[in-house]
Amino acid sequence: MLQASDTCVRISGTVRADAVAASGRQAGSGSYRMEPGARVQIDVRKQTEYGPLRAVIAVGNLRR
């Protein structure tokens, strides 16, 4: 909750990093790759004279 306000702000997120390694039959023919991902979400809530107001912003790329 913000001080001196009836607005509530929640910030959350996730970070992921996958590493995939594979080896071939011959020496030095292995492969390696990284698959990073991150997501941030901001959730804002406020009580208004018309009822509750909520705004959600989500940005990221958490894919598999």
C-alpha atoms as a PDB file:
ATOM      1  CA  MET A   1       0.000   0.000   0.000  1.00  0.00           C
ATOM      2  CA  LEU A   2       1.322   3.440  -0.843  1.00  0.00           C
ATOM      3  CA  GLN A   3       1.688   5.767   2.115  1.00  0.00           C
ATOM      4  CA  ALA A   4      -1.138   8.300   2.566  1.00  0.00           C
ATOM      5  CA  SER A   5      -3.111   6.612  -0.210  1.00  0.00           C
ATOM      6  CA  ASP A   6      -5.718   3.910  -0.718  1.00  0.00           C
ATOM      7  CA  THR A   7      -3.805   2.531  -3.725  1.00  0.00           C
ATOM      8  CA  CYS A   8      -2.183  -0.893  -3.499  1.00  0.00           C
ATOM      9  CA  VAL A   9       0.723  -1.802  -5.813  1.00  0.00           C
ATOM     10  CA  ARG A  10       2.101  -5.335  -6.169  1.00  0.00           C
ATOM     11  CA  ILE A  11       5.261  -6.046  -8.173  1.00  0.00           C
ATOM     12  CA  SER A  12       6.129  -9.668  -8.910  1.00  0.00           C
ATOM     13  CA  GLY A  13       8.271 -11.551 -11.349  1.00  0.00           C
ATOM     14  CA  THR A  14      10.011 -14.714 -12.431  1.00  0.00           C
ATOM     15  CA  VAL A  15      13.451 -15.393 -13.878  1.00  0.00           C
ATOM     16  CA  ARG A  16      14.416 -18.654 -15.564  1.00  0.00           C
ATOM     17  CA  ALA A  17      17.614 -19.870 -17.203  1.00  0.00           C
ATOM     18  CA  ASP A  18      17.916 -23.288 -18.847  1.00  0.00           C
ATOM     19  CA  ALA A  19      21.179 -24.742 -20.122  1.00  0.00           C
ATOM     20  CA  VAL A  20      21.065 -27.611 -22.592  1.00  0.00           C
ATOM     21  CA  ALA A  21      24.180 -29.606 -23.474  1.00  0.00           C
ATOM     22  CA  ALA A  22      24.481 -32.505 -25.893  1.00  0.00           C
ATOM     23  CA  SER A  23      27.476 -34.522 -26.985  1.00  0.00           C
ATOM     24  CA  GLY A  24      28.078 -36.137 -30.335  1.00  0.00           C
ATOM     25  CA  ARG A  25      29.931 -39.329 -31.229  1.00  0.00           C
ATOM     26  CA  GLN A  26      33.095 -37.477 -32.215  1.00  0.00           C
ATOM     27  CA  ALA A  27      35.206 -35.408 -29.865  1.00  0.00           C
ATOM     28  CA  GLY A  28      34.449 -31.695 -30.107  1.00  0.00           C
ATOM     29  CA  SER A  29      31.083 -32.150 -31.843  1.00  0.00           C
ATOM     30  CA  GLY A  30      28.974 -31.331 -28.789  1.00  0.00           C
ATOM     31  CA  SER A  31      26.477 -28.523 -28.693  1.00  0.00           C
ATOM     32  CA  TYR A  32      25.456 -26.156 -25.920  1.00  0.00           C
ATOM     33  CA  ARG A  33      22.728 -23.547 -25.753  1.00  0.00           C
ATOM     34  CA  MET A  34      21.158 -21.231 -23.171  1.00  0.00           C
ATOM     35  CA  GLU A  35      17.442 -20.478 -22.939  1.00  0.00           C
ATOM     36  CA  PRO A  36      16.877 -17.485 -20.633  1.00  0.00           C
ATOM     37  CA  GLY A  37      13.470 -16.067 -19.756  1.00  0.00           C
ATOM     38  CA  ALA A  38      12.022 -13.386 -17.491  1.00  0.00           C
ATOM     39  CA  ARG A  39       8.637 -11.923 -16.622  1.00  0.00           C
ATOM     40  CA  VAL A  40       7.632  -8.861 -14.562  1.00  0.00           C
ATOM     41  CA  GLN A  41       4.069  -8.115 -13.487  1.00  0.00           C
ATOM     42  CA  ILE A  42       2.714  -4.933 -11.892  1.00  0.00           C
ATOM     43  CA  ASP A  43      -0.758  -5.058 -10.322  1.00  0.00           C
ATOM     44  CA  VAL A  44      -2.334  -1.770  -9.161  1.00  0.00           C
ATOM     45  CA  ARG A  45      -5.625  -1.625  -7.231  1.00  0.00           C
ATOM     46  CA  LYS A  46      -7.595   1.386  -6.038  1.00  0.00           C
ATOM     47  CA  GLN A  47     -11.050   1.916  -4.617  1.00  0.00           C
ATOM     48  CA  THR A  48     -12.992   4.587  -6.545  1.00  0.00           C
ATOM     49  CA  GLU A  49     -16.439   6.088  -6.106  1.00  0.00           C
ATOM     50  CA  TYR A  50     -17.605   3.734  -8.900  1.00  0.00           C
ATOM     51  CA  GLY A  51     -16.126   0.614  -7.321  1.00  0.00           C
ATOM     52  CA  PRO A  52     -12.766  -1.137  -7.378  1.00  0.00           C
ATOM     53  CA  LEU A  53     -10.319  -0.312 -10.170  1.00  0.00           C
ATOM     54  CA  ARG A  54      -7.577  -2.747 -11.157  1.00  0.00           C
ATOM     55  CA  ALA A  55      -4.781  -2.448 -13.727  1.00  0.00           C
ATOM     56  CA  VAL A  56      -2.351  -5.242 -14.559  1.00  0.00           C
ATOM     57  CA  ILE A  57       0.753  -4.890 -16.721  1.00  0.00           C
ATOM     58  CA  ALA A  58       2.731  -8.043 -17.574  1.00  0.00           C
ATOM     59  CA  VAL A  59       5.904  -8.056 -19.680  1.00  0.00           C
ATOM     60  CA  GLY A  60       8.146 -11.007 -20.428  1.00  0.00           C
ATOM     61  CA  ASN A  61       8.996 -14.113 -22.383  1.00  0.00           C
ATOM     62  CA  LEU A  62       8.740 -17.307 -20.335  1.00  0.00           C
ATOM     63  CA  ARG A  63       8.421 -19.913 -23.050  1.00  0.00           C
ATOM     64  CA  ARG A  64       9.372 -23.567 -23.192  1.00  0.00           C
END
